[in-house]
Protein backbone atom coordinates (compact mmCIF):
# COMPACT_ATOMS: atom_id res chain seq x y z
CA MET A 1 90.40 86.94 62.56
CA LYS A 2 87.05 87.22 64.62
CA LYS A 3 86.83 83.33 64.58
CA THR A 4 90.70 83.29 66.33
CA ILE A 5 89.39 85.86 68.72
CA LEU A 6 86.20 84.16 69.53
CA LEU A 7 88.34 80.65 69.71
CA LEU A 8 91.11 82.08 72.21
CA LEU A 9 88.19 84.01 74.48
CA PRO A 10 87.12 80.51 76.12
CA VAL A 11 90.76 79.79 76.41
CA LEU A 12 91.76 82.80 78.06
CA ILE A 13 88.83 82.72 80.45
CA LEU A 14 89.93 78.86 81.34
CA PHE A 15 93.47 79.92 82.00
CA PHE A 16 92.68 82.52 84.28
CA ALA A 17 90.05 80.56 85.94
CA ALA A 18 92.69 77.71 86.61
CA PHE A 19 95.28 80.47 87.78
CA ALA A 20 93.11 81.86 90.20
CA GLN A 21 90.84 78.60 91.45
CA GLY A 22 93.80 75.97 92.32
CA ALA A 23 92.59 73.27 94.71
CA PRO A 24 88.71 73.18 96.04
CA LYS A 25 88.42 74.91 99.02
CA THR A 26 87.35 73.22 102.39
CA VAL A 27 86.80 74.16 106.02
CA GLY A 28 90.35 74.18 107.48
CA ASP A 29 92.13 74.38 104.12
CA PRO A 30 94.80 77.27 103.73
CA SER A 31 93.24 78.56 100.51
CA SER A 32 90.53 80.37 102.12
CA SER A 33 91.30 83.65 103.19
CA LYS A 34 89.46 83.43 106.60
CA GLU A 35 91.56 80.36 107.32
CA ARG A 36 94.95 81.40 105.84
CA SER A 37 94.60 84.78 107.79
CA LYS A 38 94.18 82.88 111.15
CA MET A 39 97.34 80.97 110.38
CA PRO A 40 100.87 82.12 111.65
CA ILE A 41 102.97 83.75 109.35
CA VAL A 42 106.77 82.41 109.45
CA ILE A 43 109.15 84.80 107.99
CA LYS A 44 112.86 83.77 107.78
CA SER A 45 115.67 86.21 106.91
CA GLY A 46 119.27 87.20 107.62
CA HIS A 47 118.28 90.65 109.61
CA LEU A 48 115.28 91.75 111.61
CA ARG A 49 114.77 95.51 112.58
CA THR A 50 111.76 96.36 114.57
CA ASP A 51 110.30 99.61 115.22
CA ASN A 52 107.36 99.34 117.84
CA LYS A 53 106.32 102.79 117.60
CA LYS A 54 105.69 102.94 113.83
CA LYS A 55 104.34 99.19 114.46
CA ILE A 56 106.58 97.83 111.51
CA ALA A 57 109.19 95.10 111.33
CA VAL A 58 111.42 95.04 108.51
CA PHE A 59 113.32 91.64 107.31
CA THR A 60 116.25 91.85 104.88
CA VAL A 61 118.54 89.41 103.32
CA ASN A 62 117.21 86.21 101.70
CA VAL A 63 113.96 86.72 103.00
CA VAL A 64 111.22 84.07 102.97
CA SER A 65 107.62 84.37 104.35
CA LYS A 66 105.14 81.66 104.42
CA GLN A 67 101.34 81.45 105.46
CA GLY A 68 99.35 78.46 104.71
CA ASP A 69 99.96 77.87 100.72
CA VAL A 70 101.34 81.43 100.18
CA THR A 71 104.96 81.91 99.99
CA ILE A 72 106.84 85.12 99.19
CA PHE A 73 110.76 85.48 98.44
CA SER A 74 112.16 89.08 98.30
CA ASP A 75 114.96 91.15 99.52
CA LYS A 76 113.26 93.16 101.92
CA LEU A 77 109.95 92.65 103.29
CA THR A 78 108.29 94.96 105.76
CA VAL A 79 105.33 93.89 108.16
CA TYR A 80 102.72 96.62 108.98
CA TYR A 81 100.77 95.79 112.40
CA ALA A 82 97.33 97.39 112.56
CA ASP A 83 97.07 100.27 114.94
CA ASP A 84 94.48 98.94 117.28
CA LYS A 85 95.21 95.51 117.43
CA ASP A 86 98.26 93.28 117.21
CA GLU A 87 97.63 92.03 113.94
CA VAL A 88 99.41 92.08 110.22
CA GLU A 89 97.65 94.81 108.17
CA LYS A 90 99.76 94.01 105.23
CA ILE A 91 103.12 92.68 104.05
CA GLU A 92 105.08 94.96 101.62
CA ALA A 93 107.88 92.75 99.61
CA GLU A 94 110.87 94.71 97.66
CA GLY A 95 113.64 93.49 95.24
CA HIS A 96 113.42 90.21 93.43
CA VAL A 97 109.71 89.19 94.69
CA ARG A 98 108.64 85.83 93.90
CA VAL A 99 105.08 84.82 95.27
CA THR A 100 104.17 81.00 94.90
CA GLN A 101 101.14 79.33 95.60
CA GLY A 102 100.30 75.75 94.62
CA ASN A 103 101.63 75.60 90.78
CA ARG A 104 101.50 79.52 89.87
CA VAL A 105 104.11 81.78 90.35
CA GLY A 106 103.98 85.40 90.21
CA ILE A 107 107.55 87.91 89.65
CA GLY A 108 107.87 91.54 90.26
CA GLU A 109 110.07 94.08 91.72
CA HIS A 110 107.67 95.12 94.31
CA GLY A 111 104.57 93.18 96.07
CA VAL A 112 101.90 93.82 98.49
CA TYR A 113 100.17 91.05 100.31
CA GLU A 114 96.88 91.89 102.08
CA SER A 115 96.18 88.73 104.01
CA LYS A 116 92.66 89.62 105.19
CA LEU A 117 91.76 90.29 101.56
CA GLY A 118 93.50 87.67 99.91
CA LYS A 119 95.03 90.21 97.57
CA ILE A 120 98.64 90.31 96.02
CA THR A 121 99.40 93.02 94.05
CA LEU A 122 102.96 93.16 92.03
CA SER A 123 104.52 95.78 90.33
CA GLY A 124 107.95 96.96 89.15
CA GLY A 125 110.20 95.85 86.91
CA LYS A 126 108.36 93.30 84.28
CA PRO A 127 105.62 91.55 86.48
CA ARG A 128 104.59 88.20 85.41
CA VAL A 129 102.50 85.45 86.50
CA MET A 130 103.21 81.82 85.37
CA GLN A 131 101.29 78.59 85.51
CA GLY A 132 103.11 75.87 83.81
CA SER A 133 104.20 77.42 80.36
CA ASP A 134 101.37 80.13 80.17
CA THR A 135 102.30 83.55 81.13
CA THR A 136 101.15 86.90 81.78
CA THR A 137 102.73 90.28 82.04
CA GLY A 138 101.69 93.71 82.24
CA LYS A 139 102.23 96.97 84.39
CA VAL A 140 100.55 95.63 87.35
CA ILE A 141 99.10 92.21 88.30
CA THR A 142 96.35 91.88 91.01
CA TYR A 143 95.81 88.41 92.20
CA TYR A 144 92.85 87.70 94.24
CA LEU A 145 93.88 84.35 95.79
CA ASP A 146 90.25 83.51 97.00
CA ASP A 147 87.90 85.27 94.74
CA GLU A 148 89.48 83.35 91.62
CA GLN A 149 89.84 86.58 89.92
CA SER A 150 92.93 88.42 88.62
CA ILE A 151 93.27 91.72 87.27
CA VAL A 152 96.07 92.80 84.67
CA THR A 153 96.62 96.42 83.89
CA GLY A 154 98.91 97.98 81.28
CA ASP A 155 99.98 100.94 79.07
CA SER A 156 101.60 101.65 75.80
CA SER A 157 105.14 101.21 77.26
CA GLN A 158 103.82 98.04 79.35
CA PRO A 159 100.88 96.45 77.47
CA VAL A 160 99.22 93.16 78.84
CA VAL A 161 100.39 90.24 76.99
CA THR A 162 99.48 86.69 77.91
CA THR A 163 101.10 83.44 76.00
CA ILE A 164 99.03 80.17 76.30
CA ASN A 165 100.89 77.17 74.83
CA PRO A 166 98.18 74.59 74.15
CA LYS A 167 98.71 70.96 74.79
CA SER A 168 99.31 68.72 72.35
CA ARG A 169 96.23 66.50 71.27
CA LYS A 170 97.91 63.22 72.27
CA ASP A 171 97.86 64.66 75.82
CA ASN A 172 93.90 64.84 75.49
């Protein structure tokens, strides 16, 4: 049993490193948070309601939000603007949330994207992250797009579960 755990540990580390790493970062590459946060956020939806006093914009009906290499799909998307600037502070997605970046997909019922931090937090329902046929589920998944890190937390009702499907030997 100990041998199996010791053999799986490097595989888990490689899985999360591969999930977080994506393509190498270069100047002008949207996978860098500093570069991505300077890029425009393009949002498509069936309906938009704004409130300048509250500094929010609420998009509903088939919402698709894209900034650089990150795309968020949801039923409702609320954009919060910073108090002192006309910059986006955070984006909160609700209902059937799906976040894609390259070949990685994160799913949950609620998501918060903090562009300047390069951080996405998924919760609600049964959040999961997939890359290829490998998956990880938990209660809350926090993914740092630029730091090559992810944190998955669970509890007794919704533990962290990772499924790694090894490639066949003939693929090597």
